[in-house]
Amino acid sequence: MRRFEGDIEHVDGLVPMLNATPCDVLLLDLKLPDADGVDILARVRKEHPDLQTIIDATPTHRVGNDEDLKGLTVLLASEASRHINGQVIAVDGGAAII
């Protein structure tokens, strides 16, 4: 497997970088500072249709921990949740909305 690790200063540099340094898999962040990851993926697919792509779609860019569950736990244990039932509440940093 060909591997290249690196960041680019601006998303316009991604396709030229892939042309100069081919790789087998592209790890692409969905949330980029100067562009939308889906738009970038469309640009890449035009020139590299067979390139396998993994998209990081976690808006918080981290794995959750026990601290992230505290607020929901307090809410569900309180009287404020008396009318909440039969729900699946995602505590996933926003990944479920994408």
C-alpha atoms as a PDB file:
ATOM      1  CA  MET A   1       0.000   0.000   0.000  1.00  0.00           C
ATOM      2  CA  ARG A   2       1.332   3.428  -0.929  1.00  0.00           C
ATOM      3  CA  ARG A   3       1.305   5.795   1.976  1.00  0.00           C
ATOM      4  CA  PHE A   4       1.737   9.524   2.143  1.00  0.00           C
ATOM      5  CA  GLU A   5       1.014  11.520   5.251  1.00  0.00           C
ATOM      6  CA  GLY A   6       0.686  15.242   5.237  1.00  0.00           C
ATOM      7  CA  ASP A   7      -1.503  18.249   5.501  1.00  0.00           C
ATOM      8  CA  ILE A   8      -2.163  20.802   2.847  1.00  0.00           C
ATOM      9  CA  GLU A   9      -2.409  24.537   3.404  1.00  0.00           C
ATOM     10  CA  HIS A  10      -5.488  24.958   1.207  1.00  0.00           C
ATOM     11  CA  VAL A  11      -7.910  22.415  -0.231  1.00  0.00           C
ATOM     12  CA  ASP A  12      -7.082  23.496  -3.787  1.00  0.00           C
ATOM     13  CA  GLY A  13      -3.738  21.767  -3.263  1.00  0.00           C
ATOM     14  CA  LEU A  14      -5.280  18.336  -2.648  1.00  0.00           C
ATOM     15  CA  VAL A  15      -5.803  17.156  -6.241  1.00  0.00           C
ATOM     16  CA  PRO A  16      -2.351  18.329  -7.410  1.00  0.00           C
ATOM     17  CA  MET A  17      -0.823  16.587  -4.383  1.00  0.00           C
ATOM     18  CA  LEU A  18      -2.642  13.356  -5.283  1.00  0.00           C
ATOM     19  CA  ASN A  19      -1.433  13.674  -8.873  1.00  0.00           C
ATOM     20  CA  ALA A  20       2.173  14.082  -7.699  1.00  0.00           C
ATOM     21  CA  THR A  21       2.026  11.530  -4.865  1.00  0.00           C
ATOM     22  CA  PRO A  22      -0.502   8.765  -5.601  1.00  0.00           C
ATOM     23  CA  CYS A  23      -1.906   6.849  -2.657  1.00  0.00           C
ATOM     24  CA  ASP A  24      -4.340   3.982  -2.128  1.00  0.00           C
ATOM     25  CA  VAL A  25      -6.615   5.525   0.497  1.00  0.00           C
ATOM     26  CA  LEU A  26      -7.517   9.137   1.269  1.00  0.00           C
ATOM     27  CA  LEU A  27      -8.559  10.089   4.792  1.00  0.00           C
ATOM     28  CA  LEU A  28     -10.660  13.217   4.390  1.00  0.00           C
ATOM     29  CA  ASP A  29     -12.176  15.365   7.095  1.00  0.00           C
ATOM     30  CA  LEU A  30     -15.777  16.322   6.368  1.00  0.00           C
ATOM     31  CA  LYS A  31     -15.456  19.625   8.198  1.00  0.00           C
ATOM     32  CA  LEU A  32     -12.650  21.730   6.746  1.00  0.00           C
ATOM     33  CA  PRO A  33     -11.762  25.339   7.567  1.00  0.00           C
ATOM     34  CA  ASP A  34     -12.020  26.626   4.006  1.00  0.00           C
ATOM     35  CA  ALA A  35     -14.259  24.116   2.217  1.00  0.00           C
ATOM     36  CA  ASP A  36     -16.845  21.394   2.543  1.00  0.00           C
ATOM     37  CA  GLY A  37     -15.476  17.848   2.574  1.00  0.00           C
ATOM     38  CA  VAL A  38     -18.265  16.573   0.299  1.00  0.00           C
ATOM     39  CA  ASP A  39     -17.367  19.175  -2.358  1.00  0.00           C
ATOM     40  CA  ILE A  40     -13.697  18.259  -2.085  1.00  0.00           C
ATOM     41  CA  LEU A  41     -14.549  14.573  -2.454  1.00  0.00           C
ATOM     42  CA  ALA A  42     -16.428  15.349  -5.692  1.00  0.00           C
ATOM     43  CA  ARG A  43     -13.334  17.157  -7.054  1.00  0.00           C
ATOM     44  CA  VAL A  44     -11.064  14.261  -6.105  1.00  0.00           C
ATOM     45  CA  ARG A  45     -13.425  11.682  -7.655  1.00  0.00           C
ATOM     46  CA  LYS A  46     -13.292  13.460 -11.041  1.00  0.00           C
ATOM     47  CA  GLU A  47      -9.551  12.829 -11.388  1.00  0.00           C
ATOM     48  CA  HIS A  48      -9.158   9.794  -9.131  1.00  0.00           C
ATOM     49  CA  PRO A  49     -12.401   7.763  -9.434  1.00  0.00           C
ATOM     50  CA  ASP A  50     -10.878   4.574  -8.006  1.00  0.00           C
ATOM     51  CA  LEU A  51      -9.304   6.167  -4.932  1.00  0.00           C
ATOM     52  CA  GLN A  52     -10.732   4.668  -1.762  1.00  0.00           C
ATOM     53  CA  THR A  53     -11.814   7.377   0.678  1.00  0.00           C
ATOM     54  CA  ILE A  54     -12.528   7.359   4.383  1.00  0.00           C
ATOM     55  CA  ILE A  55     -14.380  10.432   5.620  1.00  0.00           C
ATOM     56  CA  ASP A  56     -14.063  11.575   9.229  1.00  0.00           C
ATOM     57  CA  ALA A  57     -17.541  12.848   9.980  1.00  0.00           C
ATOM     58  CA  THR A  58     -17.284  13.544  13.696  1.00  0.00           C
ATOM     59  CA  PRO A  59     -17.842  17.295  14.139  1.00  0.00           C
ATOM     60  CA  THR A  60     -16.176  17.375  17.565  1.00  0.00           C
ATOM     61  CA  HIS A  61     -13.057  15.588  16.226  1.00  0.00           C
ATOM     62  CA  ARG A  62     -12.749  13.422  19.311  1.00  0.00           C
ATOM     63  CA  VAL A  63     -14.089  10.282  20.915  1.00  0.00           C
ATOM     64  CA  GLY A  64     -16.576  10.833  23.713  1.00  0.00           C
ATOM     65  CA  ASN A  65     -15.871  10.058  27.350  1.00  0.00           C
ATOM     66  CA  ASP A  66     -17.704   9.743  30.679  1.00  0.00           C
ATOM     67  CA  GLU A  67     -17.830  13.523  31.101  1.00  0.00           C
ATOM     68  CA  ASP A  68     -19.907  13.792  27.923  1.00  0.00           C
ATOM     69  CA  LEU A  69     -22.618  11.608  29.455  1.00  0.00           C
ATOM     70  CA  LYS A  70     -22.976  13.537  32.738  1.00  0.00           C
ATOM     71  CA  GLY A  71     -25.386  16.207  31.499  1.00  0.00           C
ATOM     72  CA  LEU A  72     -27.721  13.720  29.854  1.00  0.00           C
ATOM     73  CA  THR A  73     -27.576  11.443  32.891  1.00  0.00           C
ATOM     74  CA  VAL A  74     -28.520  14.302  35.241  1.00  0.00           C
ATOM     75  CA  LEU A  75     -31.364  15.329  32.926  1.00  0.00           C
ATOM     76  CA  LEU A  76     -32.788  11.818  32.630  1.00  0.00           C
ATOM     77  CA  ALA A  77     -32.544  11.249  36.374  1.00  0.00           C
ATOM     78  CA  SER A  78     -34.376  14.510  37.125  1.00  0.00           C
ATOM     79  CA  GLU A  79     -38.029  15.497  37.162  1.00  0.00           C
ATOM     80  CA  ALA A  80     -37.347  17.534  34.010  1.00  0.00           C
ATOM     81  CA  SER A  81     -37.360  14.298  32.001  1.00  0.00           C
ATOM     82  CA  ARG A  82     -40.762  13.109  33.203  1.00  0.00           C
ATOM     83  CA  HIS A  83     -42.233  13.427  29.718  1.00  0.00           C
ATOM     84  CA  ILE A  84     -39.303  11.789  27.876  1.00  0.00           C
ATOM     85  CA  ASN A  85     -39.821   8.106  27.152  1.00  0.00           C
ATOM     86  CA  GLY A  86     -39.036   5.597  24.448  1.00  0.00           C
ATOM     87  CA  GLN A  87     -36.274   7.711  22.905  1.00  0.00           C
ATOM     88  CA  VAL A  88     -32.830   6.945  21.620  1.00  0.00           C
ATOM     89  CA  ILE A  89     -30.616   9.893  22.509  1.00  0.00           C
ATOM     90  CA  ALA A  90     -27.322   9.963  20.657  1.00  0.00           C
ATOM     91  CA  VAL A  91     -24.350  11.186  22.647  1.00  0.00           C
ATOM     92  CA  ASP A  92     -21.901  10.962  19.778  1.00  0.00           C
ATOM     93  CA  GLY A  93     -20.471  14.411  19.210  1.00  0.00           C
ATOM     94  CA  GLY A  94     -22.811  15.072  16.307  1.00  0.00           C
ATOM     95  CA  ALA A  95     -21.797  12.122  14.129  1.00  0.00           C
ATOM     96  CA  ALA A  96     -25.400  10.885  13.886  1.00  0.00           C
ATOM     97  CA  ILE A  97     -26.593  14.070  12.190  1.00  0.00           C
ATOM     98  CA  ILE A  98     -24.301  13.636   9.202  1.00  0.00           C
END
